[in-house]
Protein backbone atom coordinates (compact mmCIF):
# COMPACT_ATOMS: atom_id res chain seq x y z
CA UNK A 1 -23.86 -113.81 -26.92
CA UNK A 2 -21.47 -114.39 -24.04
CA UNK A 3 -20.16 -110.86 -24.36
CA UNK A 4 -23.71 -109.51 -24.16
CA UNK A 5 -24.50 -111.60 -21.07
CA UNK A 6 -21.26 -110.57 -19.38
CA UNK A 7 -21.99 -106.97 -20.26
CA UNK A 8 -25.50 -107.28 -18.73
CA UNK A 9 -24.06 -108.74 -15.52
CA UNK A 10 -21.57 -105.91 -15.26
CA UNK A 11 -24.28 -103.37 -15.92
CA UNK A 12 -26.58 -105.02 -13.34
CA UNK A 13 -23.75 -105.14 -10.79
CA UNK A 14 -22.93 -101.46 -11.37
CA UNK A 15 -26.61 -100.52 -11.03
CA UNK A 16 -26.95 -102.52 -7.80
CA UNK A 17 -23.83 -100.88 -6.35
CA UNK A 18 -25.25 -97.51 -7.38
CA UNK A 19 -28.59 -98.28 -5.68
CA UNK A 20 -26.80 -99.37 -2.48
CA UNK A 21 -24.64 -96.22 -2.50
CA UNK A 22 -27.74 -94.06 -3.02
CA UNK A 23 -29.61 -95.82 -0.21
CA UNK A 24 -26.56 -95.60 2.05
CA UNK A 25 -26.18 -91.90 1.28
CA UNK A 26 -29.89 -91.29 1.99
CA UNK A 27 -29.61 -93.21 5.29
CA UNK A 28 -26.47 -91.27 6.27
CA UNK A 29 -28.17 -87.94 5.50
CA UNK A 30 -31.17 -88.99 7.66
CA UNK A 31 -28.91 -90.02 10.58
CA UNK A 32 -26.92 -86.78 10.42
CA UNK A 33 -30.13 -84.73 10.15
CA UNK A 34 -31.71 -86.48 13.16
CA UNK A 35 -28.50 -86.04 15.18
CA UNK A 36 -28.50 -82.35 14.27
CA UNK A 37 -32.14 -81.95 15.30
CA UNK A 38 -31.49 -83.77 18.61
CA UNK A 39 -28.45 -81.57 19.30
CA UNK A 40 -30.56 -78.49 18.52
CA UNK A 41 -33.33 -79.71 20.85
CA UNK A 42 -30.80 -80.52 23.62
CA UNK A 43 -29.34 -77.05 23.26
CA UNK A 44 -32.73 -75.51 24.09
CA UNK A 45 -33.70 -77.99 26.84
CA UNK A 46 -32.24 -75.74 29.52
CA UNK A 47 -33.91 -72.64 28.10
CA UNK A 48 -36.94 -71.25 30.01
CA UNK A 49 -40.35 -72.14 28.59
CA UNK A 50 -42.03 -69.05 30.03
CA UNK A 51 -41.22 -65.78 31.79
CA UNK A 52 -43.80 -63.76 33.74
CA UNK A 53 -43.24 -60.13 34.71
CA UNK A 54 -44.80 -58.73 37.92
CA UNK A 55 -46.56 -61.93 38.94
CA UNK A 56 -48.48 -63.10 42.01
CA UNK A 57 -49.63 -66.64 42.84
CA UNK A 58 -51.68 -68.03 45.74
CA UNK A 59 -50.88 -71.48 47.14
CA UNK A 60 -53.75 -73.38 48.77
CA UNK A 61 -53.45 -75.67 51.81
CA UNK A 62 -54.84 -79.21 52.13
CA UNK A 63 -58.21 -77.82 53.27
CA UNK A 64 -58.51 -75.66 50.15
CA UNK A 65 -57.82 -72.42 52.03
CA UNK A 66 -55.23 -69.83 50.86
CA UNK A 67 -51.95 -70.68 52.63
CA UNK A 68 -49.51 -68.13 51.24
CA UNK A 69 -48.86 -65.73 48.38
CA UNK A 70 -45.62 -65.63 46.39
CA UNK A 71 -45.07 -62.61 44.17
CA UNK A 72 -42.12 -60.91 42.51
CA UNK A 73 -40.77 -58.72 39.73
CA UNK A 74 -40.07 -61.64 37.36
CA UNK A 75 -40.53 -65.42 37.34
CA UNK A 76 -38.48 -67.56 34.94
CA UNK A 77 -39.57 -71.21 34.65
CA UNK A 78 -37.19 -74.00 33.51
CA UNK A 79 -39.02 -77.12 32.25
CA UNK A 80 -35.95 -79.39 32.45
CA UNK A 81 -36.31 -79.67 36.25
CA UNK A 82 -39.62 -77.79 36.79
CA UNK A 83 -37.83 -75.08 38.78
CA UNK A 84 -38.39 -71.33 38.85
CA UNK A 85 -36.12 -68.36 39.46
CA UNK A 86 -37.78 -65.26 40.96
CA UNK A 87 -36.37 -61.73 40.97
CA UNK A 88 -37.23 -59.69 44.10
CA UNK A 89 -39.52 -62.31 45.65
CA UNK A 90 -42.08 -61.56 48.35
CA UNK A 91 -43.64 -64.37 50.39
CA UNK A 92 -46.67 -63.63 52.58
CA UNK A 93 -48.19 -66.36 54.75
CA UNK A 94 -51.96 -66.39 55.15
CA UNK A 95 -52.30 -68.81 58.07
CA UNK A 96 -55.37 -68.12 60.19
CA UNK A 97 -53.91 -70.08 63.12
CA UNK A 98 -50.53 -68.29 63.33
CA UNK A 99 -49.43 -64.66 62.92
CA UNK A 100 -48.74 -63.79 59.27
CA UNK A 101 -45.14 -63.68 58.10
CA UNK A 102 -43.64 -61.55 55.31
CA UNK A 103 -40.35 -62.39 53.58
CA UNK A 104 -38.38 -60.27 51.09
CA UNK A 105 -35.12 -61.12 49.24
CA UNK A 106 -33.22 -60.30 46.05
CA UNK A 107 -33.73 -63.72 44.42
CA UNK A 108 -35.52 -67.00 45.07
CA UNK A 109 -35.11 -70.47 43.57
CA UNK A 110 -38.26 -72.61 43.77
CA UNK A 111 -38.01 -76.38 43.30
CA UNK A 112 -39.18 -79.78 44.60
CA UNK A 113 -42.70 -79.34 43.28
CA UNK A 114 -42.98 -75.78 44.62
CA UNK A 115 -42.46 -77.00 48.21
CA UNK A 116 -38.98 -75.49 48.76
CA UNK A 117 -37.98 -71.84 48.26
CA UNK A 118 -34.28 -70.90 48.50
CA UNK A 119 -34.00 -67.16 49.12
CA UNK A 120 -30.75 -65.24 48.61
CA UNK A 121 -29.53 -61.69 49.11
CA UNK A 122 -30.70 -59.34 51.89
CA UNK A 123 -33.28 -61.81 53.20
CA UNK A 124 -35.67 -59.96 55.52
CA UNK A 125 -38.35 -61.83 57.50
CA UNK A 126 -40.98 -59.88 59.45
CA UNK A 127 -43.70 -61.20 61.74
CA UNK A 128 -45.81 -58.13 62.61
CA UNK A 129 -46.66 -57.32 66.22
CA UNK A 130 -49.82 -58.80 67.69
CA UNK A 131 -51.64 -58.29 71.01
CA UNK A 132 -49.71 -61.26 72.39
CA UNK A 133 -46.24 -60.64 70.90
CA UNK A 134 -43.90 -57.89 69.71
CA UNK A 135 -42.77 -57.56 66.10
CA UNK A 136 -40.14 -60.17 65.20
CA UNK A 137 -37.58 -59.51 62.45
CA UNK A 138 -34.88 -61.80 61.03
CA UNK A 139 -32.10 -60.72 58.67
CA UNK A 140 -29.72 -63.11 56.89
CA UNK A 141 -28.01 -63.64 53.53
CA UNK A 142 -29.66 -66.97 52.57
CA UNK A 143 -32.75 -68.78 53.81
CA UNK A 144 -34.52 -71.99 52.76
CA UNK A 145 -38.27 -71.88 53.33
CA UNK A 146 -40.69 -74.84 53.29
CA UNK A 147 -43.99 -72.91 53.06
CA UNK A 148 -46.28 -75.97 53.29
CA UNK A 149 -44.59 -76.98 56.55
CA UNK A 150 -44.32 -73.39 57.87
CA UNK A 151 -40.62 -73.84 58.64
CA UNK A 152 -37.35 -72.30 57.49
CA UNK A 153 -33.64 -72.77 58.02
CA UNK A 154 -30.22 -71.32 57.20
CA UNK A 155 -26.53 -72.01 57.85
CA UNK A 156 -25.65 -68.33 57.42
CA UNK A 157 -25.26 -65.60 60.04
CA UNK A 158 -28.59 -64.38 61.42
CA UNK A 159 -29.65 -61.22 63.23
CA UNK A 160 -32.97 -61.39 65.09
CA UNK A 161 -34.78 -58.38 66.54
CA UNK A 162 -37.74 -58.70 68.87
CA UNK A 163 -38.95 -55.38 70.21
CA UNK A 164 -35.75 -53.73 71.52
CA UNK A 165 -33.92 -57.05 72.09
CA UNK A 166 -31.35 -58.34 69.58
CA UNK A 167 -29.94 -61.85 69.13
CA UNK A 168 -27.31 -63.03 66.65
CA UNK A 169 -26.04 -66.47 65.70
CA UNK A 170 -24.73 -68.61 62.86
CA UNK A 171 -27.38 -70.97 61.56
CA UNK A 172 -31.06 -71.02 62.46
CA UNK A 173 -34.14 -73.20 62.33
CA UNK A 174 -37.60 -71.71 62.79
CA UNK A 175 -41.10 -73.16 62.85
CA UNK A 176 -43.94 -70.67 62.51
CA UNK A 177 -46.54 -73.31 63.44
CA UNK A 178 -44.94 -73.93 66.86
CA UNK A 179 -43.42 -70.42 67.06
CA UNK A 180 -40.01 -71.89 67.95
CA UNK A 181 -36.72 -70.39 66.76
CA UNK A 182 -33.32 -71.96 67.39
CA UNK A 183 -30.13 -70.00 66.71
CA UNK A 184 -26.90 -71.93 66.21
CA UNK A 185 -23.21 -71.22 66.71
CA UNK A 186 -21.76 -68.72 69.14
CA UNK A 187 -24.31 -65.98 69.38
CA UNK A 188 -25.04 -62.88 71.40
CA UNK A 189 -28.19 -61.54 73.00
CA UNK A 190 -28.62 -57.84 73.76
CA UNK A 191 -31.58 -56.85 75.92
CA UNK A 192 -32.61 -53.30 76.88
CA UNK A 193 -32.32 -52.30 80.54
CA UNK A 194 -35.42 -52.80 82.64
CA UNK A 195 -37.46 -49.73 83.26
CA UNK A 196 -37.01 -48.32 86.77
CA UNK A 197 -40.06 -48.54 89.04
């Protein structure tokens, strides 16, 4: 009788150990599987969630009027920081109060809730001629534009052409709303000779 009872206890103990090992193994498999899924998800977090070819978007101002158009060859959106990379961007302002401005570049990085555009590579800014002013053109390698505020700035070298006059400098701030441009660093200004009377 004692042998049978001892045998039962041993059998019960072995079964309990087996159950604990099975549960532990199941738990370990679940933990490893979840870690693997998380690692897989983390790997794709920096991947773009959408890509748009040949796109164009209109941004409205606070009054509900079209403020500017941003278009380009390709837009790649990254959800991790809600930023976008644009190939061959074109920015066209639609302000009714100020002369329109057109900006071209090789690439643009849009962030901060679509309120900041960092342009790079052959940045070309053109404000067409009006009855009151000559055409204004700016050329630089990088330019940060704040479209909602109608201002832009750069620390890079800038060449500015207005009519037949040329000005160069290193660094620039410009405000299209006030029509003020400030060139930094040691710059040069070249003006055409006055016409003889």
